[in-house]
Amino acid sequence: MSSSQQLEVGEGEESGLDEELRKQAVRETGRGSASPAGRKVTFGFHLVEGKTPHGMEDRHVAEFRRLEDGNEVGLFAVFDGHAGADVATYLREHLFDDILREPGFWTDTVDAIRRTYHRTDRRVLEMTEEEGDGEERRRRNAGSTADVGAGAGTEFVVLASDGLWKVMSNQECVDAVRGTADARKAAAELVGEALERGSADDIACVVVRLH
């Protein structure tokens, strides 16, 4: 595979938000691109801190990584912090490394990811139990997250924390992104729309354009 990844990270000057919304703390904004196997993929991200007093708890990953065997993978995720940023930070720093080291990743990717998720979940629970709140964490995370599939014809992927999904539907996000070629601008516009709709939570948004 060949790639020429480029990554730009800014502080929100070109975020696409109006002056009033820009006053809300922009934590990170940036864009990148790569051409694995000669196919250009672009991505953009935009993160803002919410109005709640706990500080920014959301984390993200958006990068292409070349492995020692020469293969290249795109790594994209949003980790929505709850009751602190410790778990989200741990996942950002460890989850993808653990997945890529999992035996069978290239031959049975889904199963390798599933095994890593289960192992990571146990590790996080062990860490929280050592701090005395493991059972409470279990109760808080007893809910479910909707699964959204992607096929061969997928144009783009939107990953975001619940600061966005609480106020926008999947279709509204699709309609907003489809008309914006620049992935970072698309992410910033989604965040801006969520803020205009009254979202007070932290928001992390990653847009990946596949075509």
C-alpha atoms as a PDB file:
ATOM      1  CA  MET A   1       0.000   0.000   0.000  1.00  0.00           C
ATOM      2  CA  SER A   2       1.118   3.546  -0.618  1.00  0.00           C
ATOM      3  CA  SER A   3       0.103   6.610   1.315  1.00  0.00           C
ATOM      4  CA  SER A   4       0.914  10.281   1.670  1.00  0.00           C
ATOM      5  CA  GLN A   5      -0.906  11.119   4.864  1.00  0.00           C
ATOM      6  CA  GLN A   6      -1.199  14.793   5.677  1.00  0.00           C
ATOM      7  CA  LEU A   7      -2.611  16.099   8.943  1.00  0.00           C
ATOM      8  CA  GLU A   8      -3.388  19.662   9.983  1.00  0.00           C
ATOM      9  CA  VAL A   9      -4.531  20.543  13.477  1.00  0.00           C
ATOM     10  CA  GLY A  10      -5.818  23.981  14.387  1.00  0.00           C
ATOM     11  CA  GLU A  11      -7.636  25.767  17.157  1.00  0.00           C
ATOM     12  CA  GLY A  12     -10.888  26.658  15.484  1.00  0.00           C
ATOM     13  CA  GLU A  13     -10.126  29.769  13.441  1.00  0.00           C
ATOM     14  CA  GLU A  14     -11.665  28.134  10.371  1.00  0.00           C
ATOM     15  CA  SER A  15     -14.226  26.125  12.273  1.00  0.00           C
ATOM     16  CA  GLY A  16     -17.196  27.363  10.278  1.00  0.00           C
ATOM     17  CA  LEU A  17     -19.001  28.541  13.450  1.00  0.00           C
ATOM     18  CA  ASP A  18     -20.357  32.046  13.902  1.00  0.00           C
ATOM     19  CA  GLU A  19     -18.686  34.374  16.406  1.00  0.00           C
ATOM     20  CA  GLU A  20     -21.091  33.649  19.260  1.00  0.00           C
ATOM     21  CA  LEU A  21     -20.746  29.877  18.998  1.00  0.00           C
ATOM     22  CA  ARG A  22     -16.977  30.121  18.549  1.00  0.00           C
ATOM     23  CA  LYS A  23     -16.800  31.478  22.094  1.00  0.00           C
ATOM     24  CA  GLN A  24     -17.627  27.984  23.301  1.00  0.00           C
ATOM     25  CA  ALA A  25     -14.282  26.309  23.958  1.00  0.00           C
ATOM     26  CA  VAL A  26     -12.958  24.615  20.796  1.00  0.00           C
ATOM     27  CA  ARG A  27     -10.546  21.968  22.025  1.00  0.00           C
ATOM     28  CA  GLU A  28      -9.319  20.499  18.740  1.00  0.00           C
ATOM     29  CA  THR A  29     -10.046  20.835  15.041  1.00  0.00           C
ATOM     30  CA  GLY A  30      -8.158  19.412  12.093  1.00  0.00           C
ATOM     31  CA  ARG A  31      -8.125  17.487   8.862  1.00  0.00           C
ATOM     32  CA  GLY A  32      -6.043  14.797   7.213  1.00  0.00           C
ATOM     33  CA  SER A  33      -5.806  12.659   4.110  1.00  0.00           C
ATOM     34  CA  ALA A  34      -4.128   9.520   2.879  1.00  0.00           C
ATOM     35  CA  SER A  35      -4.144   7.365  -0.232  1.00  0.00           C
ATOM     36  CA  PRO A  36      -4.026   3.712   0.833  1.00  0.00           C
ATOM     37  CA  ALA A  37      -3.848   1.490  -2.250  1.00  0.00           C
ATOM     38  CA  GLY A  38      -4.112   4.601  -4.417  1.00  0.00           C
ATOM     39  CA  ARG A  39      -7.567   5.521  -3.112  1.00  0.00           C
ATOM     40  CA  LYS A  40      -7.775   8.937  -1.458  1.00  0.00           C
ATOM     41  CA  VAL A  41      -9.528   9.133   1.885  1.00  0.00           C
ATOM     42  CA  THR A  42     -10.004  12.425   3.716  1.00  0.00           C
ATOM     43  CA  PHE A  43     -11.073  13.049   7.281  1.00  0.00           C
ATOM     44  CA  GLY A  44     -11.798  15.950   9.581  1.00  0.00           C
ATOM     45  CA  PHE A  45     -12.564  16.381  13.252  1.00  0.00           C
ATOM     46  CA  HIS A  46     -13.915  19.074  15.546  1.00  0.00           C
ATOM     47  CA  LEU A  47     -14.261  18.975  19.328  1.00  0.00           C
ATOM     48  CA  VAL A  48     -15.837  21.516  21.672  1.00  0.00           C
ATOM     49  CA  GLU A  49     -16.114  21.531  25.434  1.00  0.00           C
ATOM     50  CA  GLY A  50     -19.657  21.701  26.754  1.00  0.00           C
ATOM     51  CA  LYS A  51     -21.168  24.146  29.191  1.00  0.00           C
ATOM     52  CA  THR A  52     -21.189  21.693  32.079  1.00  0.00           C
ATOM     53  CA  PRO A  53     -18.548  22.292  34.793  1.00  0.00           C
ATOM     54  CA  HIS A  54     -16.733  18.946  34.555  1.00  0.00           C
ATOM     55  CA  GLY A  55     -14.248  19.856  31.810  1.00  0.00           C
ATOM     56  CA  MET A  56     -13.783  18.156  28.438  1.00  0.00           C
ATOM     57  CA  GLU A  57     -14.384  14.402  28.766  1.00  0.00           C
ATOM     58  CA  ASP A  58     -14.632  13.282  25.122  1.00  0.00           C
ATOM     59  CA  ARG A  59     -11.631  11.902  23.242  1.00  0.00           C
ATOM     60  CA  HIS A  60     -11.053  10.911  19.619  1.00  0.00           C
ATOM     61  CA  VAL A  61      -8.661   9.122  17.271  1.00  0.00           C
ATOM     62  CA  ALA A  62      -8.317  10.107  13.603  1.00  0.00           C
ATOM     63  CA  GLU A  63      -5.199   8.919  11.791  1.00  0.00           C
ATOM     64  CA  PHE A  64      -3.699   6.550   9.264  1.00  0.00           C
ATOM     65  CA  ARG A  65      -0.970   4.285  10.570  1.00  0.00           C
ATOM     66  CA  ARG A  66       1.586   2.256   8.631  1.00  0.00           C
ATOM     67  CA  LEU A  67       2.376  -1.015  10.369  1.00  0.00           C
ATOM     68  CA  GLU A  68       5.699  -2.850  10.493  1.00  0.00           C
ATOM     69  CA  ASP A  69       4.507  -5.354   7.883  1.00  0.00           C
ATOM     70  CA  GLY A  70       3.858  -2.524   5.413  1.00  0.00           C
ATOM     71  CA  ASN A  71       0.082  -2.588   5.706  1.00  0.00           C
ATOM     72  CA  GLU A  72      -1.702   0.657   6.442  1.00  0.00           C
ATOM     73  CA  VAL A  73      -4.907   1.148   8.387  1.00  0.00           C
ATOM     74  CA  GLY A  74      -7.182   4.080   9.067  1.00  0.00           C
ATOM     75  CA  LEU A  75      -8.025   4.437  12.746  1.00  0.00           C
ATOM     76  CA  PHE A  76     -11.101   6.475  13.645  1.00  0.00           C
ATOM     77  CA  ALA A  77     -13.082   6.568  16.871  1.00  0.00           C
ATOM     78  CA  VAL A  78     -14.898   8.806  19.320  1.00  0.00           C
ATOM     79  CA  PHE A  79     -14.802   7.928  23.010  1.00  0.00           C
ATOM     80  CA  ASP A  80     -17.584   9.622  24.966  1.00  0.00           C
ATOM     81  CA  GLY A  81     -16.475  10.254  28.529  1.00  0.00           C
ATOM     82  CA  HIS A  82     -18.978   9.850  31.360  1.00  0.00           C
ATOM     83  CA  ALA A  83     -18.322  10.811  34.984  1.00  0.00           C
ATOM     84  CA  GLY A  84     -14.759  11.685  34.057  1.00  0.00           C
ATOM     85  CA  ALA A  85     -12.317  11.319  31.178  1.00  0.00           C
ATOM     86  CA  ASP A  86     -10.200   8.468  32.566  1.00  0.00           C
ATOM     87  CA  VAL A  87     -11.778   5.631  30.571  1.00  0.00           C
ATOM     88  CA  ALA A  88     -12.036   7.664  27.351  1.00  0.00           C
ATOM     89  CA  THR A  89      -8.370   8.635  27.681  1.00  0.00           C
ATOM     90  CA  TYR A  90      -7.328   5.040  28.363  1.00  0.00           C
ATOM     91  CA  LEU A  91      -9.189   3.833  25.268  1.00  0.00           C
ATOM     92  CA  ARG A  92      -7.650   6.520  23.083  1.00  0.00           C
ATOM     93  CA  GLU A  93      -4.172   5.531  24.223  1.00  0.00           C
ATOM     94  CA  HIS A  94      -4.516   1.740  24.200  1.00  0.00           C
ATOM     95  CA  LEU A  95      -7.508   0.314  22.315  1.00  0.00           C
ATOM     96  CA  PHE A  96      -6.234   0.479  18.737  1.00  0.00           C
ATOM     97  CA  ASP A  97      -2.763  -0.741  19.683  1.00  0.00           C
ATOM     98  CA  ASP A  98      -4.350  -3.738  21.395  1.00  0.00           C
ATOM     99  CA  ILE A  99      -6.593  -4.448  18.390  1.00  0.00           C
ATOM    100  CA  LEU A 100      -3.691  -4.307  15.936  1.00  0.00           C
ATOM    101  CA  ARG A 101      -1.642  -6.682  18.084  1.00  0.00           C
ATOM    102  CA  GLU A 102      -4.478  -9.192  18.376  1.00  0.00           C
ATOM    103  CA  PRO A 103      -3.679 -12.514  16.604  1.00  0.00           C
ATOM    104  CA  GLY A 104      -5.862 -12.994  13.554  1.00  0.00           C
ATOM    105  CA  PHE A 105      -6.543  -9.296  13.009  1.00  0.00           C
ATOM    106  CA  TRP A 106      -5.952  -9.550   9.255  1.00  0.00           C
ATOM    107  CA  THR A 107      -7.667 -12.917   8.769  1.00  0.00           C
ATOM    108  CA  ASP A 108     -10.695 -12.514  11.068  1.00  0.00           C
ATOM    109  CA  THR A 109     -10.918  -8.814  11.796  1.00  0.00           C
ATOM    110  CA  VAL A 110     -14.380  -8.739  13.365  1.00  0.00           C
ATOM    111  CA  ASP A 111     -13.596 -11.529  15.811  1.00  0.00           C
ATOM    112  CA  ALA A 112     -10.231  -9.982  16.699  1.00  0.00           C
ATOM    113  CA  ILE A 113     -11.915  -6.661  17.465  1.00  0.00           C
ATOM    114  CA  ARG A 114     -14.595  -8.404  19.515  1.00  0.00           C
ATOM    115  CA  ARG A 115     -12.016 -10.278  21.593  1.00  0.00           C
ATOM    116  CA  THR A 116     -10.080  -7.077  22.221  1.00  0.00           C
ATOM    117  CA  TYR A 117     -13.241  -5.239  23.263  1.00  0.00           C
ATOM    118  CA  HIS A 118     -14.138  -7.930  25.784  1.00  0.00           C
ATOM    119  CA  ARG A 119     -10.614  -8.006  27.194  1.00  0.00           C
ATOM    120  CA  THR A 120     -10.466  -4.211  27.398  1.00  0.00           C
ATOM    121  CA  ASP A 121     -13.858  -4.089  29.100  1.00  0.00           C
ATOM    122  CA  ARG A 122     -12.657  -6.503  31.760  1.00  0.00           C
ATOM    123  CA  ARG A 123      -9.469  -4.505  32.233  1.00  0.00           C
ATOM    124  CA  VAL A 124     -11.372  -1.240  32.675  1.00  0.00           C
ATOM    125  CA  LEU A 125     -13.748  -2.845  35.176  1.00  0.00           C
ATOM    126  CA  GLU A 126     -10.797  -4.203  37.132  1.00  0.00           C
ATOM    127  CA  MET A 127      -9.294  -0.722  37.219  1.00  0.00           C
ATOM    128  CA  THR A 128     -12.528   0.852  38.438  1.00  0.00           C
ATOM    129  CA  GLU A 129     -13.101  -1.892  41.006  1.00  0.00           C
ATOM    130  CA  GLU A 130      -9.683  -1.100  42.453  1.00  0.00           C
ATOM    131  CA  GLU A 131     -10.965   2.448  42.889  1.00  0.00           C
ATOM    132  CA  GLY A 132     -14.127   1.149  44.553  1.00  0.00           C
ATOM    133  CA  ASP A 133     -16.716   2.074  41.905  1.00  0.00           C
ATOM    134  CA  GLY A 134     -16.712  -0.922  39.566  1.00  0.00           C
ATOM    135  CA  GLU A 135     -20.272  -2.002  40.314  1.00  0.00           C
ATOM    136  CA  GLU A 136     -21.539   1.532  39.782  1.00  0.00           C
ATOM    137  CA  ARG A 137     -19.751   1.632  36.399  1.00  0.00           C
ATOM    138  CA  ARG A 138     -21.463  -1.624  35.434  1.00  0.00           C
ATOM    139  CA  ARG A 139     -24.883  -0.140  36.139  1.00  0.00           C
ATOM    140  CA  ARG A 140     -24.129   3.071  34.279  1.00  0.00           C
ATOM    141  CA  ASN A 141     -23.018   1.202  31.159  1.00  0.00           C
ATOM    142  CA  ALA A 142     -25.844  -1.304  31.027  1.00  0.00           C
ATOM    143  CA  GLY A 143     -27.459   0.443  28.055  1.00  0.00           C
ATOM    144  CA  SER A 144     -26.965  -0.211  24.356  1.00  0.00           C
ATOM    145  CA  THR A 145     -25.647   1.712  21.373  1.00  0.00           C
ATOM    146  CA  ALA A 146     -27.294   1.484  17.976  1.00  0.00           C
ATOM    147  CA  ASP A 147     -25.377  -0.405  15.273  1.00  0.00           C
ATOM    148  CA  VAL A 148     -25.162   1.353  11.907  1.00  0.00           C
ATOM    149  CA  GLY A 149     -23.727  -0.655   9.030  1.00  0.00           C
ATOM    150  CA  ALA A 150     -21.543   0.549   6.155  1.00  0.00           C
ATOM    151  CA  GLY A 151     -21.331  -1.123   2.755  1.00  0.00           C
ATOM    152  CA  ALA A 152     -19.083  -0.923  -0.288  1.00  0.00           C
ATOM    153  CA  GLY A 153     -20.887   2.158  -1.609  1.00  0.00           C
ATOM    154  CA  THR A 154     -20.621   4.193   1.582  1.00  0.00           C
ATOM    155  CA  GLU A 155     -19.677   7.821   0.832  1.00  0.00           C
ATOM    156  CA  PHE A 156     -18.733   8.928   4.330  1.00  0.00           C
ATOM    157  CA  VAL A 157     -18.856   7.995   7.995  1.00  0.00           C
ATOM    158  CA  VAL A 158     -19.822  10.283  10.877  1.00  0.00           C
ATOM    159  CA  LEU A 159     -18.615   9.422  14.384  1.00  0.00           C
ATOM    160  CA  ALA A 160     -19.752  11.626  17.255  1.00  0.00           C
ATOM    161  CA  SER A 161     -20.424  11.720  20.967  1.00  0.00           C
ATOM    162  CA  ASP A 162     -23.912  12.058  22.385  1.00  0.00           C
ATOM    163  CA  GLY A 163     -23.599  15.833  22.592  1.00  0.00           C
ATOM    164  CA  LEU A 164     -24.458  15.682  18.885  1.00  0.00           C
ATOM    165  CA  TRP A 165     -26.722  12.627  18.723  1.00  0.00           C
ATOM    166  CA  LYS A 166     -29.018  13.925  21.466  1.00  0.00           C
ATOM    167  CA  VAL A 167     -30.133  16.762  19.192  1.00  0.00           C
ATOM    168  CA  MET A 168     -29.655  15.415  15.629  1.00  0.00           C
ATOM    169  CA  SER A 169     -30.876  12.303  13.847  1.00  0.00           C
ATOM    170  CA  ASN A 170     -28.762  10.105  11.576  1.00  0.00           C
ATOM    171  CA  GLN A 171     -30.565  11.419   8.504  1.00  0.00           C
ATOM    172  CA  GLU A 172     -30.092  15.043   9.513  1.00  0.00           C
ATOM    173  CA  CYS A 173     -26.354  14.417   9.805  1.00  0.00           C
ATOM    174  CA  VAL A 174     -26.255  12.695   6.418  1.00  0.00           C
ATOM    175  CA  ASP A 175     -28.085  15.593   4.778  1.00  0.00           C
ATOM    176  CA  ALA A 176     -25.723  18.120   6.369  1.00  0.00           C
ATOM    177  CA  VAL A 177     -22.496  16.316   5.430  1.00  0.00           C
ATOM    178  CA  ARG A 178     -23.425  15.290   1.897  1.00  0.00           C
ATOM    179  CA  GLY A 179     -23.215  18.830   0.560  1.00  0.00           C
ATOM    180  CA  THR A 180     -19.843  19.653   2.163  1.00  0.00           C
ATOM    181  CA  ALA A 181     -16.715  18.307   0.464  1.00  0.00           C
ATOM    182  CA  ASP A 182     -14.237  19.366   3.165  1.00  0.00           C
ATOM    183  CA  ALA A 183     -14.397  16.827   5.994  1.00  0.00           C
ATOM    184  CA  ARG A 184     -13.200  19.218   8.703  1.00  0.00           C
ATOM    185  CA  LYS A 185     -15.729  21.842   7.652  1.00  0.00           C
ATOM    186  CA  ALA A 186     -18.440  19.171   7.689  1.00  0.00           C
ATOM    187  CA  ALA A 187     -17.487  18.145  11.236  1.00  0.00           C
ATOM    188  CA  ALA A 188     -17.451  21.777  12.385  1.00  0.00           C
ATOM    189  CA  GLU A 189     -20.825  22.459  10.772  1.00  0.00           C
ATOM    190  CA  LEU A 190     -22.370  19.446  12.499  1.00  0.00           C
ATOM    191  CA  VAL A 191     -21.019  20.637  15.835  1.00  0.00           C
ATOM    192  CA  GLY A 192     -22.282  24.150  15.118  1.00  0.00           C
ATOM    193  CA  GLU A 193     -25.750  22.841  14.306  1.00  0.00           C
ATOM    194  CA  ALA A 194     -25.822  20.837  17.541  1.00  0.00           C
ATOM    195  CA  LEU A 195     -24.850  23.950  19.514  1.00  0.00           C
ATOM    196  CA  GLU A 196     -27.534  25.996  17.797  1.00  0.00           C
ATOM    197  CA  ARG A 197     -30.051  23.346  18.838  1.00  0.00           C
ATOM    198  CA  GLY A 198     -29.078  23.823  22.446  1.00  0.00           C
ATOM    199  CA  SER A 199     -26.624  20.997  23.111  1.00  0.00           C
ATOM    200  CA  ALA A 200     -24.740  21.779  26.327  1.00  0.00           C
ATOM    201  CA  ASP A 201     -22.668  18.575  26.454  1.00  0.00           C
ATOM    202  CA  ASP A 202     -19.129  18.028  25.188  1.00  0.00           C
ATOM    203  CA  ILE A 203     -19.138  17.258  21.463  1.00  0.00           C
ATOM    204  CA  ALA A 204     -16.532  15.283  19.541  1.00  0.00           C
ATOM    205  CA  CYS A 205     -17.185  14.730  15.831  1.00  0.00           C
ATOM    206  CA  VAL A 206     -15.128  12.911  13.187  1.00  0.00           C
ATOM    207  CA  VAL A 207     -16.120  12.800   9.505  1.00  0.00           C
ATOM    208  CA  VAL A 208     -14.385  10.346   7.151  1.00  0.00           C
ATOM    209  CA  ARG A 209     -14.942  10.746   3.389  1.00  0.00           C
ATOM    210  CA  LEU A 210     -14.435   7.498   1.490  1.00  0.00           C
ATOM    211  CA  HIS A 211     -15.317   8.735  -2.013  1.00  0.00           C
END
